[in-house]
C-alpha cells in the first residue's frame, strides 16, 4: 500500500484503522514496507510474470546506467530490459570499477542463461568502466553507445562559453529593473509617457526580465545564445520605436540593449559551433539513416572540423574554438564504431534516454513516498528497491507473501540489517566520529587472530 499507492506512513496508518480496524504504529508500517520491498527485490529474477514477458519478446536488449544522488557518494546502478522496461538488477554500489560492475552483472547473466533468453544487444553511455564490464560479461552482444549523450558531449565544451555569454548579457542589462520602476511610475527618464505607452513599455521590460532569467538547456537550447538572439530582436524593435517616439527612456533602453553589438563576435563563433553540433544531431537522428550514409556524413563533418581547426589555429592558437575542436575529435574517436551499431541492428535504440526517463520516474516516486522535495538520501537508500516496482502491471500481493519461505524472510532481514548497519555507520561518523572510532577499535581488538 505504501509503495504501490505512494502513501505516506500516516496515511497508511489511517487507512488501516478506517478500513480494517487495525491500530499500527508508523514505525511498524515502515519496517513492514521495507521487508516487503526487500522480499520483492530478492525474488525479482524468479518473477513468473517477468520471465513470461521476456520469453514472449524472444530477445532481451539490455540498458545500464547509474545515478549519483549525492556527489562523492555511492552510485545507484540499474540494468533494465529495453523492450519490456523491466528492471533486472539495481543496487547502490560504493565502487564503479569494471571488476565490481562485472560482479554485479553476474546474476543477470546467470538468469538469462538459465531461461535461454538471447541478448539482442546493449545500449549504454560511453563511460569506460560499464563498457568494459558489459563487453566482458556479454562478449557476443553488440553494443550501441547513446547517440544523444554523444551529441551532449560535443556540446559540453561550449557550455562554459555559452554561460559566460549569458553572464555578460545579464550584466549589460542590469539597468532594466530601474527602468521598469521609472516606467511604471512615469517619473525620471520616463516622464512624458502616456498611460498607454507606459503600460506597453512596462510589458516589454517585464518580458526582458523574463528573458534574462531563462537559462536554456544544452545542447539544443543554449541559454546564452538564446538570450543573445532575443535581446538582438528587442534592440531592433526599440530602435524602430525610437524613430517615431523620442522619449529618453527609449534611448536608455536602446543603450542597454547595445550590449548585443559588443558581444556579436563572441556570439557568432559560438553559434557556428552549436550549428555544427546540431548538424551532427540531424545526421544521427535522420529517419532514413543507414550505417554507410551516417558514417560518410560523420566523416564529412569531421573534415569540416579539421578545416576549422586549421583556420582558427593559424589565426589564433589560443582561441577557445581550438580547444573545442580538439575535444570533438577526441570524443568522436572514443565512441568509434559503437556510435553506429544501431544501423546494422535496428532493434537497438539509438539512445539510452528510456533509462534516464526511468531514473527520473524513480526520483519522482521517491519524492512522493518520502514527502521531501529533494530526497537525495532516500533515493540513495531505496531508489534501487523502488526500481523493482517500476513498469510492473501489479505489485506482488498476498499470494506472493504466502509463497515466501522462512529462508526468504531470513535473507530479506539480513539484507535490511546490513543496509541499516551501513546507514548507522554513516550517521555516527557525521555525528560523533571519535566515538565511532573507539567502538570500531574495540571491536577489532576483540576479533580472533587470523589462523
Protein backbone atom coordinates (compact mmCIF):
# COMPACT_ATOMS: atom_id res chain seq x y z
CA UNK A 1 0.00 0.00 0.00
CA UNK A 2 2.74 2.46 0.97
CA UNK A 3 4.83 1.87 -2.16
CA UNK A 4 2.15 0.85 -4.67
CA UNK A 5 -0.13 3.82 -3.92
CA UNK A 6 2.56 6.37 -2.98
CA UNK A 7 1.08 6.78 0.50
CA UNK A 8 2.87 8.22 3.48
CA UNK A 9 3.10 6.22 6.70
CA UNK A 10 0.47 8.37 8.42
CA UNK A 11 -1.94 7.81 5.51
CA UNK A 12 -1.39 4.04 5.64
CA UNK A 13 -1.95 4.08 9.40
CA UNK A 14 -5.21 5.97 8.96
CA UNK A 15 -6.47 3.59 6.24
CA UNK A 16 -5.63 0.51 8.27
CA UNK A 17 -7.67 1.92 11.14
CA UNK A 18 -10.60 3.09 8.99
CA UNK A 19 -10.83 0.03 6.71
CA UNK A 20 -9.69 -2.85 8.94
CA UNK A 21 -9.81 -1.53 12.49
CA UNK A 22 -6.07 -2.15 12.96
CA UNK A 23 -4.04 0.22 15.12
CA UNK A 24 -0.43 0.06 13.89
CA UNK A 25 2.46 2.38 14.66
CA UNK A 26 4.15 4.28 11.84
CA UNK A 27 7.49 2.64 12.66
CA UNK A 28 5.90 -0.80 12.26
CA UNK A 29 4.44 0.27 8.92
CA UNK A 30 7.88 1.45 7.76
CA UNK A 31 9.51 -1.83 8.86
CA UNK A 32 6.84 -3.91 7.12
CA UNK A 33 7.15 -1.86 3.91
CA UNK A 34 10.94 -2.27 3.90
CA UNK A 35 10.68 -6.03 4.50
CA UNK A 36 8.09 -6.41 1.72
CA UNK A 37 10.27 -4.39 -0.70
CA UNK A 38 13.32 -6.48 0.18
CA UNK A 39 11.35 -9.70 -0.48
CA UNK A 40 10.30 -8.35 -3.91
CA UNK A 41 13.87 -7.30 -4.68
CA UNK A 42 15.35 -10.70 -3.78
CA UNK A 43 12.68 -12.55 -5.76
CA UNK A 44 12.82 -10.31 -8.84
CA UNK A 45 14.65 -12.75 -11.11
CA UNK A 46 12.23 -15.51 -10.04
CA UNK A 47 9.15 -13.49 -11.00
CA UNK A 48 6.98 -15.63 -13.36
CA UNK A 49 5.45 -12.50 -14.88
CA UNK A 50 8.91 -11.13 -15.75
CA UNK A 51 10.12 -14.46 -17.18
CA UNK A 52 6.97 -14.90 -19.27
CA UNK A 53 7.19 -11.36 -20.65
CA UNK A 54 10.85 -11.69 -21.63
CA UNK A 55 10.24 -15.06 -23.29
CA UNK A 56 7.27 -13.64 -25.19
CA UNK A 57 9.54 -10.89 -26.58
CA UNK A 58 12.05 -13.60 -27.65
CA UNK A 59 15.02 -11.29 -27.18
CA UNK A 60 16.43 -9.09 -24.43
CA UNK A 61 18.03 -5.71 -25.05
CA UNK A 62 19.98 -4.57 -22.01
CA UNK A 63 20.35 -0.99 -20.87
CA UNK A 64 22.51 0.16 -17.95
CA UNK A 65 23.10 3.49 -16.26
CA UNK A 66 23.82 4.99 -12.85
CA UNK A 67 22.53 7.90 -10.81
CA UNK A 68 24.63 9.63 -8.18
CA UNK A 69 22.12 11.35 -5.90
CA UNK A 70 24.85 12.71 -3.59
CA UNK A 71 28.10 13.97 -5.07
CA UNK A 72 31.05 11.91 -3.94
CA UNK A 73 28.81 9.15 -2.55
CA UNK A 74 27.60 5.77 -3.85
CA UNK A 75 26.21 5.44 -7.36
CA UNK A 76 22.86 3.71 -7.77
CA UNK A 77 23.19 1.36 -10.76
CA UNK A 78 20.34 -0.07 -12.83
CA UNK A 79 20.08 -2.72 -15.56
CA UNK A 80 16.82 -2.92 -17.49
CA UNK A 81 15.40 -4.73 -20.47
CA UNK A 82 14.64 -2.04 -23.03
CA UNK A 83 11.78 -3.90 -24.70
CA UNK A 84 9.73 -4.69 -21.58
CA UNK A 85 11.00 -1.79 -19.49
CA UNK A 86 11.51 -4.17 -16.55
CA UNK A 87 14.37 -3.81 -14.08
CA UNK A 88 16.67 -6.83 -13.90
CA UNK A 89 19.15 -5.52 -11.33
CA UNK A 90 19.51 -2.40 -9.21
CA UNK A 91 21.89 -1.59 -6.39
CA UNK A 92 23.76 1.27 -4.72
CA UNK A 93 27.45 0.47 -5.32
CA UNK A 94 30.32 2.10 -3.46
CA UNK A 95 32.64 1.31 -6.38
CA UNK A 96 32.05 1.56 -10.13
CA UNK A 97 35.25 -0.18 -11.19
CA UNK A 98 34.94 -2.62 -14.06
CA UNK A 99 35.60 -5.61 -11.79
CA UNK A 100 32.84 -4.55 -9.37
CA UNK A 101 30.35 -3.95 -12.17
CA UNK A 102 31.13 -7.37 -13.65
CA UNK A 103 30.44 -9.00 -10.28
CA UNK A 104 27.16 -7.09 -10.01
CA UNK A 105 26.13 -8.26 -13.52
CA UNK A 106 26.72 -11.96 -12.79
CA UNK A 107 23.17 -12.71 -11.52
CA UNK A 108 21.69 -11.12 -14.67
CA UNK A 109 23.96 -13.22 -16.87
CA UNK A 110 23.01 -16.37 -14.95
CA UNK A 111 19.31 -15.52 -15.15
CA UNK A 112 19.37 -15.04 -18.93
CA UNK A 113 21.36 -18.23 -19.46
CA UNK A 114 19.11 -20.23 -17.12
CA UNK A 115 15.97 -19.28 -19.06
CA UNK A 116 17.52 -19.42 -22.53
CA UNK A 117 16.94 -15.74 -23.21
CA UNK A 118 19.14 -14.41 -26.06
CA UNK A 119 20.67 -10.93 -25.80
CA UNK A 120 19.91 -8.86 -28.87
CA UNK A 121 22.24 -6.07 -27.84
CA UNK A 122 23.20 -3.49 -25.26
CA UNK A 123 22.67 0.27 -25.18
CA UNK A 124 24.73 2.28 -22.70
CA UNK A 125 26.56 5.57 -22.31
CA UNK A 126 30.22 5.86 -23.25
CA UNK A 127 31.56 5.54 -19.69
CA UNK A 128 34.62 3.28 -19.95
CA UNK A 129 34.01 1.02 -16.94
CA UNK A 130 30.45 -0.01 -17.82
CA UNK A 131 31.52 -0.53 -21.44
CA UNK A 132 34.27 -2.89 -20.35
CA UNK A 133 32.03 -4.68 -17.83
CA UNK A 134 29.29 -5.27 -20.41
CA UNK A 135 31.75 -6.33 -23.10
CA UNK A 136 33.45 -8.87 -20.80
CA UNK A 137 30.19 -10.19 -19.30
CA UNK A 138 28.30 -10.44 -22.62
CA UNK A 139 31.08 -10.71 -25.24
CA UNK A 140 28.77 -11.74 -28.10
CA UNK A 141 26.28 -8.87 -27.65
CA UNK A 142 26.53 -5.84 -29.96
CA UNK A 143 26.89 -2.56 -28.07
CA UNK A 144 25.33 0.75 -29.09
CA UNK A 145 26.59 3.88 -27.34
CA UNK A 146 23.93 6.50 -26.70
CA UNK A 147 23.86 8.98 -29.57
CA UNK A 148 22.11 11.65 -27.53
CA UNK A 149 24.92 11.56 -24.97
CA UNK A 150 27.40 11.81 -27.82
CA UNK A 151 25.71 14.99 -29.07
CA UNK A 152 25.58 16.31 -25.48
CA UNK A 153 29.28 15.56 -25.06
CA UNK A 154 30.04 17.53 -28.22
CA UNK A 155 28.18 20.47 -26.69
CA UNK A 156 29.92 20.19 -23.29
CA UNK A 157 32.99 22.31 -24.16
CA UNK A 158 30.61 25.00 -25.48
CA UNK A 159 28.53 25.16 -22.29
CA UNK A 160 31.02 27.25 -20.30
CA UNK A 161 31.39 29.74 -23.17
CA UNK A 162 27.61 29.93 -23.50
CA UNK A 163 27.31 30.51 -19.74
CA UNK A 164 29.90 33.30 -19.99
CA UNK A 165 27.94 34.92 -22.83
CA UNK A 166 24.77 34.75 -20.73
CA UNK A 167 26.52 36.30 -17.73
CA UNK A 168 27.86 39.22 -19.79
CA UNK A 169 24.43 39.86 -21.32
CA UNK A 170 22.81 39.86 -17.88
CA UNK A 171 25.42 42.28 -16.55
CA UNK A 172 24.93 44.55 -19.54
CA UNK A 173 21.17 44.64 -18.86
CA UNK A 174 21.46 45.40 -15.13
CA UNK A 175 19.60 48.68 -15.60
CA UNK A 176 16.32 47.02 -16.65
CA UNK A 177 14.76 46.87 -13.13
CA UNK A 178 15.39 50.60 -12.57
CA UNK A 179 13.89 51.45 -15.95
CA UNK A 180 10.87 49.29 -15.13
CA UNK A 181 10.29 51.23 -11.90
CA UNK A 182 10.53 54.58 -13.70
CA UNK A 183 8.20 53.46 -16.49
CA UNK A 184 5.66 52.15 -14.00
CA UNK A 185 5.63 55.46 -12.11
CA UNK A 186 6.15 57.63 -15.23
CA UNK A 187 8.92 59.51 -13.48
CA UNK A 188 12.59 60.22 -14.06
CA UNK A 189 13.58 59.42 -17.63
CA UNK A 190 10.05 58.07 -18.26
CA UNK A 191 8.33 61.41 -17.72
CA UNK A 192 6.10 62.37 -20.61
CA UNK A 193 4.93 58.84 -21.41
CA UNK A 194 1.22 58.40 -21.85
CA UNK A 195 -0.53 55.81 -19.67
CA UNK A 196 -0.85 53.53 -22.69
CA UNK A 197 2.83 53.90 -23.62
CA UNK A 198 3.81 53.25 -20.01
CA UNK A 199 1.75 50.05 -19.98
CA UNK A 200 3.26 48.78 -23.24
CA UNK A 201 6.85 49.57 -22.22
CA UNK A 202 6.21 48.00 -18.83
CA UNK A 203 5.18 44.78 -20.54
CA UNK A 204 8.27 44.94 -22.77
CA UNK A 205 10.54 45.35 -19.73
CA UNK A 206 8.75 42.54 -17.91
CA UNK A 207 9.35 40.34 -20.95
CA UNK A 208 13.03 41.31 -20.99
CA UNK A 209 13.38 40.43 -17.31
CA UNK A 210 11.90 37.02 -18.07
CA UNK A 211 14.34 36.52 -20.96
CA UNK A 212 17.26 37.40 -18.65
CA UNK A 213 16.20 34.63 -16.23
CA UNK A 214 15.99 31.90 -18.89
CA UNK A 215 19.00 29.58 -18.52
CA UNK A 216 18.10 27.47 -21.56
CA UNK A 217 19.24 23.86 -21.88
CA UNK A 218 22.16 22.44 -23.81
CA UNK A 219 22.63 21.06 -26.41
CA UNK A 220 19.56 22.27 -28.34
CA UNK A 221 18.58 25.45 -26.49
CA UNK A 222 21.79 27.05 -25.18
CA UNK A 223 20.79 29.80 -22.75
CA UNK A 224 23.40 32.41 -23.69
CA UNK A 225 22.80 32.14 -27.41
CA UNK A 226 19.01 32.17 -27.00
CA UNK A 227 19.29 35.25 -24.77
CA UNK A 228 21.54 36.95 -27.31
CA UNK A 229 19.07 36.35 -30.17
CA UNK A 230 16.10 37.59 -28.15
CA UNK A 231 17.92 40.72 -27.00
CA UNK A 232 19.03 41.36 -30.58
CA UNK A 233 15.36 41.24 -31.64
CA UNK A 234 14.46 43.58 -28.79
CA UNK A 235 17.20 46.03 -29.78
CA UNK A 236 15.86 46.22 -33.34
CA UNK A 237 12.31 46.73 -32.06
CA UNK A 238 13.33 49.51 -29.63
CA UNK A 239 15.36 51.22 -32.35
CA UNK A 240 12.26 51.24 -34.57
CA UNK A 241 10.17 52.65 -31.70
CA UNK A 242 12.70 55.45 -31.15
CA UNK A 243 12.45 56.56 -34.75
CA UNK A 244 8.86 57.55 -34.02
CA UNK A 245 8.98 58.46 -30.34
CA UNK A 246 11.95 60.33 -28.86
CA UNK A 247 11.38 59.61 -25.16
CA UNK A 248 14.55 59.46 -23.08
CA UNK A 249 13.59 56.12 -21.57
CA UNK A 250 13.68 54.51 -25.03
CA UNK A 251 17.19 55.87 -25.55
CA UNK A 252 18.27 54.40 -22.22
CA UNK A 253 16.79 51.03 -23.12
CA UNK A 254 18.45 51.11 -26.53
CA UNK A 255 21.80 51.80 -24.86
CA UNK A 256 21.33 48.83 -22.54
CA UNK A 257 20.45 46.58 -25.47
CA UNK A 258 23.62 47.77 -27.21
CA UNK A 259 25.38 45.01 -25.26
CA UNK A 260 24.44 42.63 -28.09
CA UNK A 261 26.57 44.66 -30.51
CA UNK A 262 29.59 44.49 -28.18
CA UNK A 263 29.25 40.70 -27.88
CA UNK A 264 28.50 39.98 -31.52
CA UNK A 265 31.79 38.21 -32.35
CA UNK A 266 31.60 36.03 -29.25
CA UNK A 267 28.01 35.06 -30.03
CA UNK A 268 28.65 34.34 -33.70
CA UNK A 269 31.55 31.92 -33.23
CA UNK A 270 29.53 30.16 -30.55
CA UNK A 271 26.55 29.95 -32.93
CA UNK A 272 28.75 28.49 -35.66
CA UNK A 273 29.89 25.72 -33.35
CA UNK A 274 26.45 24.94 -31.95
CA UNK A 275 25.20 24.69 -35.53
CA UNK A 276 27.90 22.07 -36.13
CA UNK A 277 26.58 20.14 -33.11
CA UNK A 278 23.02 20.37 -34.43
CA UNK A 279 24.17 19.23 -37.88
CA UNK A 280 25.70 16.13 -36.29
CA UNK A 281 22.46 15.52 -34.38
CA UNK A 282 20.40 15.81 -37.57
CA UNK A 283 22.71 13.32 -39.26
CA UNK A 284 22.47 10.72 -36.49
CA UNK A 285 18.73 11.02 -35.93
CA UNK A 286 17.51 11.31 -39.52
CA UNK A 287 14.56 8.96 -40.18
CA UNK A 288 16.04 7.15 -43.17
CA UNK A 289 19.62 6.94 -41.91
CA UNK A 290 21.78 4.00 -42.96
CA UNK A 291 25.08 2.91 -41.46
CA UNK A 292 27.04 3.73 -44.61
CA UNK A 293 25.31 7.07 -45.08
CA UNK A 294 25.77 8.16 -41.48
CA UNK A 295 29.42 7.10 -41.38
CA UNK A 296 30.10 9.06 -44.55
CA UNK A 297 28.31 12.14 -43.25
CA UNK A 298 30.13 11.98 -39.92
CA UNK A 299 33.46 11.78 -41.75
CA UNK A 300 32.39 14.78 -43.83
CA UNK A 301 31.56 16.76 -40.68
CA UNK A 302 34.88 15.73 -39.11
CA UNK A 303 36.60 17.04 -42.23
CA UNK A 304 34.86 20.39 -41.74
CA UNK A 305 36.08 20.39 -38.12
CA UNK A 306 39.64 19.81 -39.33
CA UNK A 307 39.31 22.78 -41.71
CA UNK A 308 38.04 24.98 -38.88
CA UNK A 309 40.81 23.76 -36.59
CA UNK A 310 43.42 24.72 -39.17
CA UNK A 311 41.79 28.11 -39.73
CA UNK A 312 41.41 29.03 -36.06
CA UNK A 313 44.82 27.55 -35.21
CA UNK A 314 46.57 29.71 -37.80
CA UNK A 315 44.74 32.88 -36.84
CA UNK A 316 44.88 32.47 -33.06
CA UNK A 317 46.13 29.22 -31.45
CA UNK A 318 44.73 30.42 -28.08
CA UNK A 319 41.21 30.90 -29.39
CA UNK A 320 38.73 28.79 -27.34
CA UNK A 321 37.47 27.27 -30.61
CA UNK A 322 40.76 25.37 -30.95
CA UNK A 323 40.21 23.52 -27.66
CA UNK A 324 36.58 22.80 -28.58
CA UNK A 325 37.55 21.25 -31.90
CA UNK A 326 40.27 19.13 -30.29
CA UNK A 327 37.72 17.86 -27.74
CA UNK A 328 35.32 16.99 -30.55
CA UNK A 329 37.97 14.94 -32.33
CA UNK A 330 38.82 13.04 -29.13
CA UNK A 331 35.17 12.44 -28.21
CA UNK A 332 34.31 11.06 -31.66
CA UNK A 333 37.34 8.78 -31.66
CA UNK A 334 36.39 7.45 -28.21
CA UNK A 335 32.90 6.50 -29.41
CA UNK A 336 34.28 4.81 -32.50
CA UNK A 337 32.18 2.23 -34.38
CA UNK A 338 29.83 1.76 -31.41
CA UNK A 339 28.19 5.02 -32.40
CA UNK A 340 26.80 3.22 -35.49
CA UNK A 341 25.81 -0.27 -34.22
CA UNK A 342 22.10 0.58 -34.30
CA UNK A 343 22.07 0.88 -38.11
CA UNK A 344 23.01 -2.79 -38.56
CA UNK A 345 20.87 -3.90 -35.58
CA UNK A 346 17.57 -2.00 -35.97
CA UNK A 347 16.11 -3.40 -32.72
CA UNK A 348 18.79 -1.49 -30.79
CA UNK A 349 17.64 2.02 -29.82
CA UNK A 350 19.90 4.90 -30.73
CA UNK A 351 19.78 6.42 -27.26
CA UNK A 352 19.71 5.40 -23.61
CA UNK A 353 17.03 8.01 -22.93
CA UNK A 354 14.45 5.44 -21.81
CA UNK A 355 16.74 4.56 -18.91
CA UNK A 356 17.09 8.22 -17.97
CA UNK A 357 13.32 8.60 -18.03
CA UNK A 358 13.01 5.55 -15.78
CA UNK A 359 15.50 7.03 -13.30
CA UNK A 360 13.55 10.29 -13.38
CA UNK A 361 10.34 8.35 -12.60
CA UNK A 362 12.11 6.66 -9.69
CA UNK A 363 13.14 10.03 -8.32
CA UNK A 364 9.54 11.23 -8.54
CA UNK A 365 8.35 8.08 -6.76
CA UNK A 366 10.98 8.55 -4.05
CA UNK A 367 9.93 12.18 -3.68
CA UNK A 368 6.26 11.18 -3.34
CA UNK A 369 6.90 8.38 -0.85
CA UNK A 370 9.33 10.40 1.28
CA UNK A 371 7.35 13.66 1.17
CA UNK A 372 10.61 15.53 0.55
CA UNK A 373 11.19 17.85 -2.45
CA UNK A 374 14.88 16.79 -2.60
CA UNK A 375 15.09 13.24 -1.26
CA UNK A 376 18.70 12.51 -2.32
CA UNK A 377 19.48 10.43 0.75
CA UNK A 378 16.25 8.43 0.41
CA UNK A 379 16.97 7.78 -3.27
CA UNK A 380 20.44 6.52 -2.43
CA UNK A 381 18.97 4.17 0.16
CA UNK A 382 15.82 2.99 -1.59
CA UNK A 383 15.91 4.07 -5.24
CA UNK A 384 17.21 0.65 -6.28
CA UNK A 385 14.42 -1.08 -4.33
CA UNK A 386 11.71 1.09 -5.89
CA UNK A 387 13.08 0.20 -9.35
CA UNK A 388 11.71 -3.31 -8.99
CA UNK A 389 8.17 -1.89 -8.82
CA UNK A 390 8.55 0.24 -11.95
CA UNK A 391 6.62 -0.95 -15.05
CA UNK A 392 5.02 -3.88 -13.20
CA UNK A 393 1.38 -4.47 -14.13
CA UNK A 394 0.59 -5.19 -10.47
CA UNK A 395 2.60 -5.23 -7.27
CA UNK A 396 3.07 -8.70 -5.71
CA UNK A 397 0.24 -9.32 -3.25
CA UNK A 398 -0.91 -11.83 -0.66
CA UNK A 399 -0.09 -14.90 -2.79
CA UNK A 400 3.48 -13.67 -3.19
CA UNK A 401 3.87 -13.15 0.57
CA UNK A 402 2.34 -16.56 1.29
CA UNK A 403 4.73 -18.24 -1.17
CA UNK A 404 7.84 -16.92 0.58
CA UNK A 405 9.73 -19.46 2.66
CA UNK A 406 11.39 -18.86 6.02
CA UNK A 407 14.77 -18.60 4.30
CA UNK A 408 13.41 -15.82 2.07
CA UNK A 409 12.38 -13.78 5.10
CA UNK A 410 15.74 -14.51 6.75
CA UNK A 411 17.62 -13.32 3.66
CA UNK A 412 15.47 -10.18 3.45
CA UNK A 413 16.04 -9.40 7.12
CA UNK A 414 19.79 -9.90 6.75
CA UNK A 415 19.81 -7.62 3.72
CA UNK A 416 17.92 -4.91 5.63
CA UNK A 417 20.15 -5.33 8.70
CA UNK A 418 23.27 -4.85 6.57
CA UNK A 419 21.83 -1.71 4.96
CA UNK A 420 20.79 -0.31 8.34
CA UNK A 421 24.28 -1.01 9.65
CA UNK A 422 25.76 0.97 6.75
CA UNK A 423 23.39 3.88 7.39
CA UNK A 424 24.17 3.76 11.10
CA UNK A 425 27.91 3.97 10.42
CA UNK A 426 27.43 6.94 8.09
CA UNK A 427 25.19 8.71 10.61
CA UNK A 428 27.52 8.11 13.57
CA UNK A 429 30.54 9.24 11.52
CA UNK A 430 28.86 12.60 10.91
CA UNK A 431 27.54 12.95 14.45
CA UNK A 432 30.39 11.62 16.65
CA UNK A 433 33.33 10.27 14.69
CA UNK A 434 35.58 9.88 17.75
CA UNK A 435 33.07 7.62 19.47
CA UNK A 436 32.69 5.52 16.32
CA UNK A 437 36.47 5.12 16.03
CA UNK A 438 36.71 3.98 19.65
CA UNK A 439 33.96 1.40 19.13
CA UNK A 440 35.47 0.07 15.91
CA UNK A 441 38.90 -0.18 17.52
CA UNK A 442 37.46 -2.18 20.45
CA UNK A 443 35.57 -4.45 18.04
CA UNK A 444 38.73 -5.00 16.03
CA UNK A 445 40.83 -5.79 19.11
CA UNK A 446 38.20 -8.32 20.21
CA UNK A 447 38.43 -10.23 16.93
CA UNK A 448 40.02 -13.66 16.95
CA UNK A 449 43.54 -13.59 15.47
CA UNK A 450 43.89 -14.94 11.91
CA UNK A 451 44.65 -18.64 11.66
